[in-house]
Amino acid sequence: MKLMCFQKCRNSGVFHSLHLLRAKELAHMEMVCAIVYQLTKDLSPEEIERSGFAPYYVDHTLALWPQAASGAPWTATYFQSKGDPITDLHEDLAAEQKARTTYDNILRLVKDPEVCDPIRFLRQREIVHYQRFGESLRIVQEKLDSKNFYAVNPEFDK
C-alpha cells in the first residue's frame, strides 16, 4: 500500500524524470569541482598562504574535498528524503532554490569569466530543474485524492 504513490509516480513518467534530474545534480557537483581544481592547480606556496587556503591544503593538498564555503565538510545529510513523494519533491524544490541563490552569490563576488560562465550555466540549469520538480509535484498531487487540499500522502496511513 505505501508504495502506491511511488507506483503512480512511476506510471506518470515522474519517476524517470526524477532520476534524470538527480543524476544531473551530481554532474553539477562535478563541474564545480572542476572549477575549483582549475583555480587551485597552479597555486604557489605563497599564494596558498596568502589566500587563506593553507588549512585546506594541509589536509587535502590540492585534492578535491567537497565542503561548504565555511569549511564544513560535505555530508550525506544534504540528501534529504522522507519517502513521501510530496515531501521529497518540496525538498528538491528548496534545494534547487538554495543552489540558485549560491550561484547568484558567487556571481556577485567573482568576475573571472572562466568561473562566471559555467556558474551562469549551472544557475540556469537550477531554474530549469526547479520547473521540472514543480511539474513533477503537480503530477503527483493530481494523482492523489482531490479532496486532499493539504497535499499530504494519505496512502501511507492505510
Protein backbone atom coordinates (compact mmCIF):
# COMPACT_ATOMS: atom_id res chain seq x y z
CA MET A 1 0.00 0.00 0.00
CA LYS A 2 2.67 2.51 0.98
CA LEU A 3 4.34 2.13 -2.39
CA MET A 4 1.18 3.01 -4.31
CA CYS A 5 2.04 6.71 -4.68
CA PHE A 6 5.52 5.78 -5.85
CA GLN A 7 3.90 3.40 -8.33
CA LYS A 8 1.69 6.24 -9.52
CA CYS A 9 4.82 8.35 -9.94
CA ARG A 10 6.38 5.55 -11.96
CA ASN A 11 3.33 5.28 -14.18
CA SER A 12 3.09 9.03 -14.77
CA GLY A 13 6.65 9.46 -16.01
CA VAL A 14 7.63 11.38 -12.88
CA PHE A 15 9.84 8.58 -11.64
CA HIS A 16 12.04 8.67 -14.76
CA SER A 17 12.18 12.46 -14.71
CA LEU A 18 13.34 12.48 -11.08
CA HIS A 19 16.13 10.02 -11.78
CA LEU A 20 17.39 12.16 -14.66
CA LEU A 21 17.28 15.35 -12.61
CA ARG A 22 19.11 13.82 -9.69
CA ALA A 23 21.81 12.42 -11.96
CA LYS A 24 22.26 15.89 -13.46
CA GLU A 25 22.73 17.30 -9.96
CA LEU A 26 25.75 15.04 -9.49
CA ALA A 27 27.10 16.37 -12.79
CA HIS A 28 26.74 19.90 -11.39
CA MET A 29 28.90 18.92 -8.44
CA GLU A 30 31.47 17.54 -10.87
CA MET A 31 31.52 20.85 -12.76
CA VAL A 32 32.01 22.85 -9.57
CA CYS A 33 34.86 20.53 -8.55
CA ALA A 34 36.45 21.05 -11.98
CA ILE A 35 36.29 24.83 -11.50
CA VAL A 36 37.91 24.56 -8.07
CA TYR A 37 40.62 22.30 -9.48
CA GLN A 38 41.36 24.73 -12.32
CA LEU A 39 41.60 27.62 -9.85
CA THR A 40 43.95 25.83 -7.47
CA LYS A 41 46.15 23.55 -9.60
CA ASP A 42 48.91 26.10 -10.18
CA LEU A 43 48.96 27.84 -6.80
CA SER A 44 52.38 28.58 -5.39
CA PRO A 45 53.08 28.05 -1.66
CA GLU A 46 53.00 31.83 -1.21
CA GLU A 47 49.59 32.12 -2.90
CA ILE A 48 48.26 29.26 -0.78
CA GLU A 49 49.40 31.02 2.38
CA ARG A 50 48.16 34.49 1.35
CA SER A 51 44.75 33.29 0.19
CA GLY A 52 43.80 31.51 3.39
CA PHE A 53 43.87 28.19 1.52
CA ALA A 54 46.62 26.77 3.77
CA PRO A 55 44.38 24.86 6.24
CA TYR A 56 42.64 23.11 3.35
CA TYR A 57 45.98 22.46 1.65
CA VAL A 58 47.45 20.91 4.80
CA ASP A 59 44.59 18.42 4.99
CA HIS A 60 43.99 17.71 1.30
CA THR A 61 46.86 19.17 -0.75
CA LEU A 62 45.05 20.12 -3.99
CA ALA A 63 42.73 17.12 -3.96
CA LEU A 64 39.05 17.91 -4.25
CA TRP A 65 37.27 17.62 -0.93
CA PRO A 66 33.70 18.90 -1.14
CA GLN A 67 32.85 21.31 1.64
CA ALA A 68 30.82 24.43 2.32
CA ALA A 69 32.36 27.87 1.99
CA SER A 70 32.53 27.86 5.79
CA GLY A 71 34.81 24.81 5.68
CA ALA A 72 32.19 22.34 6.92
CA PRO A 73 32.76 19.07 5.05
CA TRP A 74 30.16 17.66 2.71
CA THR A 75 27.84 15.19 4.36
CA ALA A 76 25.19 12.77 3.17
CA THR A 77 22.68 14.68 5.30
CA TYR A 78 22.47 17.10 2.37
CA PHE A 79 20.33 14.42 0.72
CA GLN A 80 17.01 14.73 2.49
CA SER A 81 14.42 12.03 1.94
CA LYS A 82 11.27 11.10 3.82
CA GLY A 83 9.87 8.52 1.41
CA ASP A 84 6.77 10.63 0.78
CA PRO A 85 6.89 11.95 -2.81
CA ILE A 86 5.23 15.25 -1.90
CA THR A 87 7.61 15.96 0.96
CA ASP A 88 10.61 14.86 -1.09
CA LEU A 89 9.61 17.00 -4.08
CA HIS A 90 9.25 20.06 -1.84
CA GLU A 91 12.76 19.30 -0.54
CA ASP A 92 14.00 19.06 -4.13
CA LEU A 93 12.39 22.40 -4.97
CA ALA A 94 14.04 24.02 -1.94
CA ALA A 95 17.42 22.53 -2.86
CA GLU A 96 17.19 23.99 -6.38
CA GLN A 97 16.41 27.43 -4.98
CA LYS A 98 19.28 27.23 -2.48
CA ALA A 99 21.68 26.21 -5.25
CA ARG A 100 20.49 29.08 -7.45
CA THR A 101 20.99 31.53 -4.59
CA THR A 102 24.51 30.17 -4.00
CA TYR A 103 25.33 30.66 -7.68
CA ASP A 104 23.89 34.20 -7.53
CA ASN A 105 26.16 34.93 -4.57
CA ILE A 106 29.20 33.56 -6.40
CA LEU A 107 28.39 35.73 -9.42
CA ARG A 108 28.21 38.80 -7.17
CA LEU A 109 31.70 38.11 -5.84
CA VAL A 110 33.61 36.65 -8.79
CA LYS A 111 34.37 38.48 -12.03
CA ASP A 112 36.57 35.90 -13.79
CA PRO A 113 34.70 34.85 -16.97
CA GLU A 114 36.22 31.35 -16.79
CA VAL A 115 34.41 30.92 -13.48
CA CYS A 116 31.32 33.03 -14.15
CA ASP A 117 30.34 31.43 -17.47
CA PRO A 118 29.98 27.87 -16.13
CA ILE A 119 28.37 29.20 -12.93
CA ARG A 120 25.79 31.08 -15.04
CA PHE A 121 25.14 27.84 -16.94
CA LEU A 122 24.66 25.93 -13.68
CA ARG A 123 22.40 28.67 -12.32
CA GLN A 124 20.19 28.43 -15.40
CA ARG A 125 20.01 24.65 -15.04
CA GLU A 126 18.85 25.05 -11.44
CA ILE A 127 15.97 27.20 -12.68
CA VAL A 128 15.01 24.55 -15.25
CA HIS A 129 15.30 21.78 -12.65
CA TYR A 130 13.09 23.79 -10.29
CA GLN A 131 10.47 23.94 -13.03
CA ARG A 132 10.73 20.18 -13.70
CA PHE A 133 10.41 19.36 -9.99
CA GLY A 134 7.39 21.68 -9.84
CA GLU A 135 5.80 19.86 -12.77
CA SER A 136 6.50 16.54 -11.07
CA LEU A 137 4.90 17.78 -7.86
CA ARG A 138 1.81 18.88 -9.79
CA ILE A 139 1.52 15.45 -11.45
CA VAL A 140 1.90 13.62 -8.14
CA GLN A 141 -0.69 15.85 -6.48
CA GLU A 142 -3.12 15.24 -9.35
CA LYS A 143 -2.82 11.51 -8.73
CA LEU A 144 -3.85 11.94 -5.09
CA ASP A 145 -7.36 12.36 -3.76
CA SER A 146 -8.67 15.72 -4.99
CA LYS A 147 -10.24 16.38 -1.57
CA ASN A 148 -6.78 16.31 -0.04
CA PHE A 149 -6.15 20.06 -0.02
CA TYR A 150 -3.27 19.74 2.45
CA ALA A 151 -1.32 17.79 -0.19
CA VAL A 152 -0.26 15.02 2.15
CA ASN A 153 0.01 11.39 1.19
CA PRO A 154 -2.91 9.60 2.88
CA GLU A 155 -1.91 6.26 1.35
CA PHE A 156 0.80 5.88 3.98
CA ASP A 157 -1.85 5.63 6.67
CA LYS A 158 -3.91 2.84 5.08
